[in-house]
Amino acid sequence: FILVNMVAKRVRQIREGSEYLVSSPKNEDVVVSLREVAAGKVFLKPENEIEEELSSMEKEPEIEPETEPEAEKDELTAED
């Protein structure tokens, strides 16, 4: 399962323009990717690095609290 995912991701990278990491003339991208894995040129990131990347992407942007216009503030205090 891990091998299939690694190769699939590498095939996408190659098709998006990434250079081959091994010499492999006239082979399909899948074959090149498998050869790169076999040659030790492609690695799976450790799980903790993946979790750090995901947590940094999940952080919500800071939103400043809305402030009421001065006229509305005066109306609210006058009614009380």
PDB file of N, CA and C in Angstrom:
ATOM      1  N   PHE A   1       0.824  -1.198   0.000  1.00  0.00           N
ATOM      2  CA  PHE A   1       0.000   0.000   0.000  1.00  0.00           C
ATOM      3  C   PHE A   1       0.867   1.260   0.000  1.00  0.00           C
ATOM      4  N   ILE A   2       1.883   1.288   0.839  1.00  0.00           N
ATOM      5  CA  ILE A   2       2.764   2.457   0.913  1.00  0.00           C
ATOM      6  C   ILE A   2       3.530   2.624  -0.396  1.00  0.00           C
ATOM      7  N   LEU A   3       4.012   1.516  -0.944  1.00  0.00           N
ATOM      8  CA  LEU A   3       4.747   1.572  -2.207  1.00  0.00           C
ATOM      9  C   LEU A   3       3.870   2.142  -3.321  1.00  0.00           C
ATOM     10  N   VAL A   4       2.639   1.693  -3.394  1.00  0.00           N
ATOM     11  CA  VAL A   4       1.717   2.173  -4.429  1.00  0.00           C
ATOM     12  C   VAL A   4       1.501   3.670  -4.293  1.00  0.00           C
ATOM     13  N   ASN A   5       1.297   4.140  -3.069  1.00  0.00           N
ATOM     14  CA  ASN A   5       1.087   5.578  -2.847  1.00  0.00           C
ATOM     15  C   ASN A   5       2.334   6.393  -3.174  1.00  0.00           C
ATOM     16  N   MET A   6       3.506   5.875  -2.796  1.00  0.00           N
ATOM     17  CA  MET A   6       4.752   6.583  -3.105  1.00  0.00           C
ATOM     18  C   MET A   6       4.933   6.715  -4.609  1.00  0.00           C
ATOM     19  N   VAL A   7       4.736   5.610  -5.318  1.00  0.00           N
ATOM     20  CA  VAL A   7       4.931   5.617  -6.769  1.00  0.00           C
ATOM     21  C   VAL A   7       3.899   6.520  -7.437  1.00  0.00           C
ATOM     22  N   ALA A   8       2.654   6.459  -6.984  1.00  0.00           N
ATOM     23  CA  ALA A   8       1.606   7.301  -7.572  1.00  0.00           C
ATOM     24  C   ALA A   8       1.923   8.781  -7.393  1.00  0.00           C
ATOM     25  N   LYS A   9       2.394   9.148  -6.201  1.00  0.00           N
ATOM     26  CA  LYS A   9       2.740  10.550  -5.955  1.00  0.00           C
ATOM     27  C   LYS A   9       3.925  10.968  -6.823  1.00  0.00           C
ATOM     28  N   ARG A  10       4.894  10.081  -6.946  1.00  0.00           N
ATOM     29  CA  ARG A  10       6.073  10.398  -7.763  1.00  0.00           C
ATOM     30  C   ARG A  10       5.697  10.525  -9.243  1.00  0.00           C
ATOM     31  N   VAL A  11       4.790   9.678  -9.720  1.00  0.00           N
ATOM     32  CA  VAL A  11       4.326   9.776 -11.110  1.00  0.00           C
ATOM     33  C   VAL A  11       3.686  11.142 -11.340  1.00  0.00           C
ATOM     34  N   ARG A  12       2.867  11.595 -10.393  1.00  0.00           N
ATOM     35  CA  ARG A  12       2.249  12.925 -10.518  1.00  0.00           C
ATOM     36  C   ARG A  12       3.312  14.012 -10.573  1.00  0.00           C
ATOM     37  N   GLN A  13       4.346  13.891  -9.736  1.00  0.00           N
ATOM     38  CA  GLN A  13       5.421  14.884  -9.739  1.00  0.00           C
ATOM     39  C   GLN A  13       6.129  14.913 -11.093  1.00  0.00           C
ATOM     40  N   ILE A  14       6.401  13.739 -11.638  1.00  0.00           N
ATOM     41  CA  ILE A  14       7.078  13.660 -12.942  1.00  0.00           C
ATOM     42  C   ILE A  14       6.204  14.280 -14.027  1.00  0.00           C
ATOM     43  N   ARG A  15       4.933  13.969 -14.003  1.00  0.00           N
ATOM     44  CA  ARG A  15       4.020  14.494 -15.028  1.00  0.00           C
ATOM     45  C   ARG A  15       3.821  16.002 -14.904  1.00  0.00           C
ATOM     46  N   GLU A  16       4.082  16.538 -13.721  1.00  0.00           N
ATOM     47  CA  GLU A  16       3.992  17.990 -13.519  1.00  0.00           C
ATOM     48  C   GLU A  16       5.307  18.685 -13.854  1.00  0.00           C
ATOM     49  N   GLY A  17       6.314  17.914 -14.309  1.00  0.00           N
ATOM     50  CA  GLY A  17       7.552  18.529 -14.764  1.00  0.00           C
ATOM     51  C   GLY A  17       8.792  18.214 -13.960  1.00  0.00           C
ATOM     52  N   SER A  18       8.692  17.417 -12.920  1.00  0.00           N
ATOM     53  CA  SER A  18       9.854  17.061 -12.114  1.00  0.00           C
ATOM     54  C   SER A  18      10.816  16.198 -12.940  1.00  0.00           C
ATOM     55  N   GLU A  19      12.096  16.390 -12.726  1.00  0.00           N
ATOM     56  CA  GLU A  19      13.126  15.642 -13.456  1.00  0.00           C
ATOM     57  C   GLU A  19      13.208  14.207 -12.940  1.00  0.00           C
ATOM     58  N   TYR A  20      13.631  13.283 -13.820  1.00  0.00           N
ATOM     59  CA  TYR A  20      13.884  11.906 -13.402  1.00  0.00           C
ATOM     60  C   TYR A  20      15.076  11.893 -12.456  1.00  0.00           C
ATOM     61  N   LEU A  21      15.035  11.020 -11.468  1.00  0.00           N
ATOM     62  CA  LEU A  21      16.140  10.885 -10.522  1.00  0.00           C
ATOM     63  C   LEU A  21      17.076   9.744 -10.901  1.00  0.00           C
ATOM     64  N   VAL A  22      16.659   8.928 -11.872  1.00  0.00           N
ATOM     65  CA  VAL A  22      17.502   7.850 -12.403  1.00  0.00           C
ATOM     66  C   VAL A  22      17.452   7.914 -13.924  1.00  0.00           C
ATOM     67  N   SER A  23      18.481   7.362 -14.555  1.00  0.00           N
ATOM     68  CA  SER A  23      18.512   7.314 -16.013  1.00  0.00           C
ATOM     69  C   SER A  23      17.581   6.199 -16.474  1.00  0.00           C
ATOM     70  N   SER A  24      16.587   6.566 -17.261  1.00  0.00           N
ATOM     71  CA  SER A  24      15.616   5.571 -17.700  1.00  0.00           C
ATOM     72  C   SER A  24      14.994   5.998 -19.025  1.00  0.00           C
ATOM     73  N   PRO A  25      15.733   5.827 -20.114  1.00  0.00           N
ATOM     74  CA  PRO A  25      15.226   6.278 -21.412  1.00  0.00           C
ATOM     75  C   PRO A  25      14.047   5.436 -21.903  1.00  0.00           C
ATOM     76  N   LYS A  26      13.078   6.122 -22.477  1.00  0.00           N
ATOM     77  CA  LYS A  26      11.923   5.500 -23.129  1.00  0.00           C
ATOM     78  C   LYS A  26      11.117   4.567 -22.232  1.00  0.00           C
ATOM     79  N   ASN A  27      10.995   4.875 -20.956  1.00  0.00           N
ATOM     80  CA  ASN A  27      10.150   4.098 -20.058  1.00  0.00           C
ATOM     81  C   ASN A  27       8.951   4.933 -19.636  1.00  0.00           C
ATOM     82  N   GLU A  28       7.900   4.244 -19.268  1.00  0.00           N
ATOM     83  CA  GLU A  28       6.717   4.922 -18.750  1.00  0.00           C
ATOM     84  C   GLU A  28       7.055   5.562 -17.399  1.00  0.00           C
ATOM     85  N   ASP A  29       6.307   6.594 -17.046  1.00  0.00           N
ATOM     86  CA  ASP A  29       6.546   7.295 -15.781  1.00  0.00           C
ATOM     87  C   ASP A  29       6.429   6.357 -14.580  1.00  0.00           C
ATOM     88  N   VAL A  30       5.522   5.392 -14.653  1.00  0.00           N
ATOM     89  CA  VAL A  30       5.356   4.441 -13.548  1.00  0.00           C
ATOM     90  C   VAL A  30       6.616   3.602 -13.380  1.00  0.00           C
ATOM     91  N   VAL A  31       7.182   3.142 -14.480  1.00  0.00           N
ATOM     92  CA  VAL A  31       8.402   2.326 -14.427  1.00  0.00           C
ATOM     93  C   VAL A  31       9.557   3.153 -13.877  1.00  0.00           C
ATOM     94  N   VAL A  32       9.666   4.391 -14.326  1.00  0.00           N
ATOM     95  CA  VAL A  32      10.723   5.278 -13.829  1.00  0.00           C
ATOM     96  C   VAL A  32      10.569   5.473 -12.325  1.00  0.00           C
ATOM     97  N   SER A  33       9.350   5.706 -11.877  1.00  0.00           N
ATOM     98  CA  SER A  33       9.098   5.914 -10.448  1.00  0.00           C
ATOM     99  C   SER A  33       9.480   4.686  -9.637  1.00  0.00           C
ATOM    100  N   LEU A  34       9.125   3.511 -10.117  1.00  0.00           N
ATOM    101  CA  LEU A  34       9.500   2.275  -9.422  1.00  0.00           C
ATOM    102  C   LEU A  34      11.017   2.111  -9.368  1.00  0.00           C
ATOM    103  N   ARG A  35      11.687   2.450 -10.452  1.00  0.00           N
ATOM    104  CA  ARG A  35      13.155   2.361 -10.465  1.00  0.00           C
ATOM    105  C   ARG A  35      13.779   3.367  -9.501  1.00  0.00           C
ATOM    106  N   GLU A  36      13.184   4.536  -9.387  1.00  0.00           N
ATOM    107  CA  GLU A  36      13.683   5.539  -8.438  1.00  0.00           C
ATOM    108  C   GLU A  36      13.547   5.038  -7.006  1.00  0.00           C
ATOM    109  N   VAL A  37      12.418   4.407  -6.704  1.00  0.00           N
ATOM    110  CA  VAL A  37      12.216   3.847  -5.360  1.00  0.00           C
ATOM    111  C   VAL A  37      13.228   2.736  -5.113  1.00  0.00           C
ATOM    112  N   ALA A  38      13.401   1.843  -6.082  1.00  0.00           N
ATOM    113  CA  ALA A  38      14.346   0.729  -5.936  1.00  0.00           C
ATOM    114  C   ALA A  38      15.781   1.222  -5.760  1.00  0.00           C
ATOM    115  N   ALA A  39      16.109   2.343  -6.394  1.00  0.00           N
ATOM    116  CA  ALA A  39      17.461   2.900  -6.294  1.00  0.00           C
ATOM    117  C   ALA A  39      17.665   3.700  -5.008  1.00  0.00           C
ATOM    118  N   GLY A  40      16.606   3.856  -4.230  1.00  0.00           N
ATOM    119  CA  GLY A  40      16.721   4.609  -2.981  1.00  0.00           C
ATOM    120  C   GLY A  40      16.720   6.111  -3.179  1.00  0.00           C
ATOM    121  N   LYS A  41      16.201   6.567  -4.294  1.00  0.00           N
ATOM    122  CA  LYS A  41      16.175   8.003  -4.599  1.00  0.00           C
ATOM    123  C   LYS A  41      14.903   8.683  -4.098  1.00  0.00           C
ATOM    124  N   VAL A  42      13.872   7.903  -3.803  1.00  0.00           N
ATOM    125  CA  VAL A  42      12.591   8.446  -3.348  1.00  0.00           C
ATOM    126  C   VAL A  42      12.333   7.916  -1.947  1.00  0.00           C
ATOM    127  N   PHE A  43      11.996   8.819  -1.030  1.00  0.00           N
ATOM    128  CA  PHE A  43      11.776   8.435   0.356  1.00  0.00           C
ATOM    129  C   PHE A  43      10.402   8.881   0.823  1.00  0.00           C
ATOM    130  N   LEU A  44       9.875   8.159   1.770  1.00  0.00           N
ATOM    131  CA  LEU A  44       8.629   8.534   2.420  1.00  0.00           C
ATOM    132  C   LEU A  44       8.978   9.408   3.611  1.00  0.00           C
ATOM    133  N   LYS A  45       8.289  10.534   3.746  1.00  0.00           N
ATOM    134  CA  LYS A  45       8.557  11.405   4.884  1.00  0.00           C
ATOM    135  C   LYS A  45       8.135  10.704   6.170  1.00  0.00           C
ATOM    136  N   PRO A  46       8.902  10.888   7.251  1.00  0.00           N
ATOM    137  CA  PRO A  46       8.482  10.330   8.534  1.00  0.00           C
ATOM    138  C   PRO A  46       7.122  10.895   8.935  1.00  0.00           C
ATOM    139  N   GLU A  47       6.356  10.096   9.642  1.00  0.00           N
ATOM    140  CA  GLU A  47       4.988  10.464   9.999  1.00  0.00           C
ATOM    141  C   GLU A  47       4.911  11.774  10.771  1.00  0.00           C
ATOM    142  N   ASN A  48       5.888  12.041  11.644  1.00  0.00           N
ATOM    143  CA  ASN A  48       5.836  13.276  12.429  1.00  0.00           C
ATOM    144  C   ASN A  48       6.003  14.510  11.552  1.00  0.00           C
ATOM    145  N   GLU A  49       6.784  14.416  10.469  1.00  0.00           N
ATOM    146  CA  GLU A  49       6.923  15.556   9.558  1.00  0.00           C
ATOM    147  C   GLU A  49       5.622  15.808   8.810  1.00  0.00           C
ATOM    148  N   ILE A  50       4.945  14.748   8.431  1.00  0.00           N
ATOM    149  CA  ILE A  50       3.665  14.886   7.737  1.00  0.00           C
ATOM    150  C   ILE A  50       2.647  15.533   8.668  1.00  0.00           C
ATOM    151  N   GLU A  51       2.613  15.088   9.930  1.00  0.00           N
ATOM    152  CA  GLU A  51       1.675  15.659  10.901  1.00  0.00           C
ATOM    153  C   GLU A  51       1.953  17.143  11.122  1.00  0.00           C
ATOM    154  N   GLU A  52       3.240  17.532  11.174  1.00  0.00           N
ATOM    155  CA  GLU A  52       3.582  18.942  11.354  1.00  0.00           C
ATOM    156  C   GLU A  52       3.092  19.774  10.176  1.00  0.00           C
ATOM    157  N   GLU A  53       3.270  19.258   8.961  1.00  0.00           N
ATOM    158  CA  GLU A  53       2.797  19.979   7.777  1.00  0.00           C
ATOM    159  C   GLU A  53       1.285  20.136   7.807  1.00  0.00           C
ATOM    160  N   LEU A  54       0.586  19.067   8.170  1.00  0.00           N
ATOM    161  CA  LEU A  54      -0.870  19.127   8.215  1.00  0.00           C
ATOM    162  C   LEU A  54      -1.349  20.104   9.274  1.00  0.00           C
ATOM    163  N   SER A  55      -0.719  20.091  10.441  1.00  0.00           N
ATOM    164  CA  SER A  55      -1.161  20.997  11.497  1.00  0.00           C
ATOM    165  C   SER A  55      -0.890  22.448  11.131  1.00  0.00           C
ATOM    166  N   SER A  56       0.185  22.714  10.401  1.00  0.00           N
ATOM    167  CA  SER A  56       0.449  24.092   9.990  1.00  0.00           C
ATOM    168  C   SER A  56      -0.556  24.549   8.939  1.00  0.00           C
ATOM    169  N   MET A  57      -1.067  23.625   8.135  1.00  0.00           N
ATOM    170  CA  MET A  57      -2.077  23.977   7.132  1.00  0.00           C
ATOM    171  C   MET A  57      -3.451  24.164   7.760  1.00  0.00           C
ATOM    172  N   GLU A  58      -3.702  23.499   8.898  1.00  0.00           N
ATOM    173  CA  GLU A  58      -5.011  23.547   9.533  1.00  0.00           C
ATOM    174  C   GLU A  58      -5.217  24.792  10.385  1.00  0.00           C
ATOM    175  N   LYS A  59      -4.151  25.511  10.692  1.00  0.00           N
ATOM    176  CA  LYS A  59      -4.289  26.689  11.538  1.00  0.00           C
ATOM    177  C   LYS A  59      -5.210  27.695  10.873  1.00  0.00           C
ATOM    178  N   GLU A  60      -6.175  28.168  11.654  1.00  0.00           N
ATOM    179  CA  GLU A  60      -7.109  29.154  11.127  1.00  0.00           C
ATOM    180  C   GLU A  60      -6.457  30.528  11.150  1.00  0.00           C
ATOM    181  N   PRO A  61      -6.757  31.344  10.155  1.00  0.00           N
ATOM    182  CA  PRO A  61      -6.201  32.697  10.171  1.00  0.00           C
ATOM    183  C   PRO A  61      -6.767  33.487  11.345  1.00  0.00           C
ATOM    184  N   GLU A  62      -5.930  34.350  11.879  1.00  0.00           N
ATOM    185  CA  GLU A  62      -6.386  35.170  12.997  1.00  0.00           C
ATOM    186  C   GLU A  62      -7.355  36.222  12.483  1.00  0.00           C
ATOM    187  N   ILE A  63      -8.481  36.335  13.161  1.00  0.00           N
ATOM    188  CA  ILE A  63      -9.496  37.305  12.772  1.00  0.00           C
ATOM    189  C   ILE A  63      -9.636  38.307  13.907  1.00  0.00           C
ATOM    190  N   GLU A  64      -9.533  39.569  13.557  1.00  0.00           N
ATOM    191  CA  GLU A  64      -9.682  40.603  14.569  1.00  0.00           C
ATOM    192  C   GLU A  64     -11.161  40.768  14.891  1.00  0.00           C
ATOM    193  N   PRO A  65     -11.482  41.021  16.148  1.00  0.00           N
ATOM    194  CA  PRO A  65     -12.891  41.203  16.505  1.00  0.00           C
ATOM    195  C   PRO A  65     -13.457  42.444  15.823  1.00  0.00           C
ATOM    196  N   GLU A  66     -14.734  42.331  15.466  1.00  0.00           N
ATOM    197  CA  GLU A  66     -15.382  43.465  14.816  1.00  0.00           C
ATOM    198  C   GLU A  66     -15.604  44.570  15.843  1.00  0.00           C
ATOM    199  N   THR A  67     -15.439  45.783  15.404  1.00  0.00           N
ATOM    200  CA  THR A  67     -15.697  46.916  16.289  1.00  0.00           C
ATOM    201  C   THR A  67     -16.945  47.625  15.805  1.00  0.00           C
ATOM    202  N   GLU A  68     -17.717  48.104  16.750  1.00  0.00           N
ATOM    203  CA  GLU A  68     -18.941  48.816  16.402  1.00  0.00           C
ATOM    204  C   GLU A  68     -18.605  50.254  16.059  1.00  0.00           C
ATOM    205  N   PRO A  69     -19.280  50.827  15.076  1.00  0.00           N
ATOM    206  CA  PRO A  69     -19.064  52.245  14.778  1.00  0.00           C
ATOM    207  C   PRO A  69     -19.432  53.100  15.986  1.00  0.00           C
ATOM    208  N   GLU A  70     -18.793  54.253  16.109  1.00  0.00           N
ATOM    209  CA  GLU A  70     -19.008  55.131  17.261  1.00  0.00           C
ATOM    210  C   GLU A  70     -20.474  55.524  17.425  1.00  0.00           C
ATOM    211  N   ALA A  71     -21.179  55.777  16.332  1.00  0.00           N
ATOM    212  CA  ALA A  71     -22.580  56.197  16.420  1.00  0.00           C
ATOM    213  C   ALA A  71     -23.415  55.108  17.078  1.00  0.00           C
ATOM    214  N   GLU A  72     -23.194  53.858  16.725  1.00  0.00           N
ATOM    215  CA  GLU A  72     -23.947  52.764  17.323  1.00  0.00           C
ATOM    216  C   GLU A  72     -23.606  52.622  18.794  1.00  0.00           C
ATOM    217  N   LYS A  73     -22.341  52.839  19.170  1.00  0.00           N
ATOM    218  CA  LYS A  73     -21.949  52.750  20.572  1.00  0.00           C
ATOM    219  C   LYS A  73     -22.690  53.800  21.389  1.00  0.00           C
ATOM    220  N   ASP A  74     -22.783  55.034  20.850  1.00  0.00           N
ATOM    221  CA  ASP A  74     -23.465  56.101  21.567  1.00  0.00           C
ATOM    222  C   ASP A  74     -24.940  55.773  21.745  1.00  0.00           C
ATOM    223  N   GLU A  75     -25.578  55.206  20.712  1.00  0.00           N
ATOM    224  CA  GLU A  75     -26.987  54.847  20.799  1.00  0.00           C
ATOM    225  C   GLU A  75     -27.200  53.777  21.852  1.00  0.00           C
ATOM    226  N   LEU A  76     -26.300  52.806  21.921  1.00  0.00           N
ATOM    227  CA  LEU A  76     -26.444  51.730  22.887  1.00  0.00           C
ATOM    228  C   LEU A  76     -26.309  52.252  24.311  1.00  0.00           C
ATOM    229  N   THR A  77     -25.402  53.167  24.557  1.00  0.00           N
ATOM    230  CA  THR A  77     -25.219  53.680  25.914  1.00  0.00           C
ATOM    231  C   THR A  77     -26.341  54.640  26.281  1.00  0.00           C
ATOM    232  N   ALA A  78     -26.921  55.350  25.317  1.00  0.00           N
ATOM    233  CA  ALA A  78     -27.993  56.291  25.609  1.00  0.00           C
ATOM    234  C   ALA A  78     -29.272  55.559  25.985  1.00  0.00           C
ATOM    235  N   GLU A  79     -29.508  54.384  25.405  1.00  0.00           N
ATOM    236  CA  GLU A  79     -30.722  53.640  25.687  1.00  0.00           C
ATOM    237  C   GLU A  79     -30.676  52.989  27.051  1.00  0.00           C
ATOM    238  N   ASP A  80     -29.519  52.679  27.567  1.00  0.00           N
ATOM    239  CA  ASP A  80     -29.401  51.963  28.842  1.00  0.00           C
ATOM    240  C   ASP A  80     -29.766  52.794  29.997  1.00  0.00           C
TER     241      ASP A  80
END
